Structures are given as structure tokens and as C-alpha cells.
Amino acid sequence: MSSAREIRLFPDYSAPSPLWEDGGMVPADYDLPTELADALMQWQRYFDSHFDHERGWDAATDVAAYDAEGQRLADELRAALPEFLITLRLWWH
């Protein structure tokens, strides 16, 4: 039995994308819709701007917005890439 390939969705400091597969970044050749690809990059930039590894989030509203956008992006990725298992990781709280 073959298992689905997994893409993990989470930002990391200054990463070029919040998508990860097999310990590395997901290549840009998954042919994602432009709006989804742009939203993923915007979510990565949001994390970089509002989370500090020593201080945490700038404000409680930042983490709430981060969580909500992560959930929305995970749902869109599942629809765009149904052959993949999409795992959202929101451990930056």
C-alpha cells in the first residue's frame, strides 16, 4: 500500500516558503494557483514580521490572525493538491 506524500505547512525564520516536504522546502513546481502561492508567501512574511524566538508574538491578535490564516491556507492547499497529505503545524504559541 502506497501512502500519500506529506507537505507540512509552517513558517520558519526567513524561509523562502512555509511548505516543507521530506525535511526540505517544497519545490516551486507544484503549479499552485497564483493567489494561493502569493498568500503562502504573505503568511511567511507575517510570521517573520510578528514573531520573535525570544519574545514571542508582538500581540495576541497577531497569533490569532496567524492561526486563522494557517487554517485557511491548509484548506486551500488540500483542495489544490488532493494527492498530498497536508499537515498544518502551529507550534509557535
Protein backbone atom coordinates (compact mmCIF):
# COMPACT_ATOMS: atom_id res chain seq x y z
CA MET A 1 0.00 0.00 0.00
CA SER A 2 1.38 3.38 -1.02
CA SER A 3 0.96 6.31 1.34
CA ALA A 4 0.39 9.89 0.24
CA ARG A 5 3.31 12.26 0.24
CA GLU A 6 3.10 14.77 3.06
CA ILE A 7 3.55 18.51 2.84
CA ARG A 8 3.95 20.23 6.20
CA LEU A 9 2.71 23.81 6.36
CA PHE A 10 4.56 26.07 8.78
CA PRO A 11 6.69 29.20 8.56
CA ASP A 12 10.28 29.18 9.78
CA TYR A 13 12.66 32.10 10.23
CA SER A 14 13.40 33.75 6.89
CA ALA A 15 12.38 30.62 4.99
CA PRO A 16 11.57 31.13 1.31
CA SER A 17 8.25 29.30 1.78
CA PRO A 18 6.15 27.82 4.61
CA LEU A 19 5.87 24.50 2.73
CA TRP A 20 8.09 21.55 3.67
CA GLU A 21 8.40 18.02 2.33
CA ASP A 22 10.85 15.28 3.40
CA GLY A 23 12.93 17.61 5.56
CA GLY A 24 13.31 20.30 2.91
CA MET A 25 11.45 23.02 1.16
CA VAL A 26 8.76 22.07 -1.30
CA PRO A 27 9.86 22.94 -4.84
CA ALA A 28 8.03 25.74 -6.57
CA ASP A 29 6.88 23.40 -9.34
CA TYR A 30 3.64 22.20 -7.74
CA ASP A 31 1.71 24.52 -10.03
CA LEU A 32 -0.25 26.19 -7.25
CA PRO A 33 -2.72 28.90 -8.19
CA THR A 34 -1.01 32.28 -8.14
CA GLU A 35 -3.31 33.67 -5.44
CA LEU A 36 -2.56 30.70 -3.16
CA ALA A 37 1.20 30.88 -3.76
CA ASP A 38 1.13 34.62 -3.01
CA ALA A 39 -0.94 34.09 0.16
CA LEU A 40 1.54 31.45 1.38
CA MET A 41 4.41 33.89 0.91
CA GLN A 42 2.46 36.64 2.65
CA TRP A 43 1.84 34.29 5.63
CA GLN A 44 5.58 33.57 5.79
CA ARG A 45 6.34 37.30 5.80
CA TYR A 46 3.71 37.87 8.52
CA PHE A 47 5.45 35.31 10.72
CA ASP A 48 8.85 36.91 10.08
CA SER A 49 7.47 40.35 10.98
CA HIS A 50 5.46 39.48 14.09
CA PHE A 51 7.18 36.56 15.85
CA ASP A 52 10.49 36.66 17.70
CA HIS A 53 12.03 33.48 19.09
CA GLU A 54 12.88 35.22 22.39
CA ARG A 55 9.85 37.49 22.86
CA GLY A 56 7.12 35.53 21.07
CA TRP A 57 4.34 37.28 19.23
CA ASP A 58 4.03 41.07 19.09
CA ALA A 59 0.42 40.85 20.33
CA ALA A 60 -2.31 38.29 20.99
CA THR A 61 -4.09 39.50 17.86
CA ASP A 62 -1.04 38.52 15.81
CA VAL A 63 -1.20 34.87 16.88
CA ALA A 64 -4.98 34.76 16.30
CA ALA A 65 -4.54 36.12 12.76
CA TYR A 66 -1.63 33.71 12.15
CA ASP A 67 -3.72 30.72 13.29
CA ALA A 68 -6.76 31.68 11.23
CA GLU A 69 -4.72 32.25 8.09
CA GLY A 70 -2.86 28.96 8.58
CA GLN A 71 -6.15 27.07 8.79
CA ARG A 72 -7.44 28.79 5.66
CA LEU A 73 -4.24 28.10 3.72
CA ALA A 74 -4.22 24.44 4.77
CA ASP A 75 -7.78 24.05 3.46
CA GLU A 76 -6.84 25.71 0.16
CA LEU A 77 -3.74 23.52 -0.21
CA ARG A 78 -5.82 20.38 0.41
CA ALA A 79 -8.18 21.46 -2.37
CA ALA A 80 -5.34 22.38 -4.75
CA LEU A 81 -3.20 19.28 -4.03
CA PRO A 82 -5.63 16.46 -3.15
CA GLU A 83 -2.96 13.81 -3.78
CA PHE A 84 -0.89 15.12 -0.83
CA LEU A 85 -1.42 14.86 2.90
CA ILE A 86 -1.32 18.48 4.14
CA THR A 87 -0.30 18.85 7.79
CA LEU A 88 -0.60 22.25 9.45
CA ARG A 89 1.79 22.91 12.35
CA LEU A 90 1.04 25.87 14.58
CA TRP A 91 3.51 25.35 17.38
CA TRP A 92 4.73 28.95 17.68
CA HIS A 93 2.38 29.83 20.55
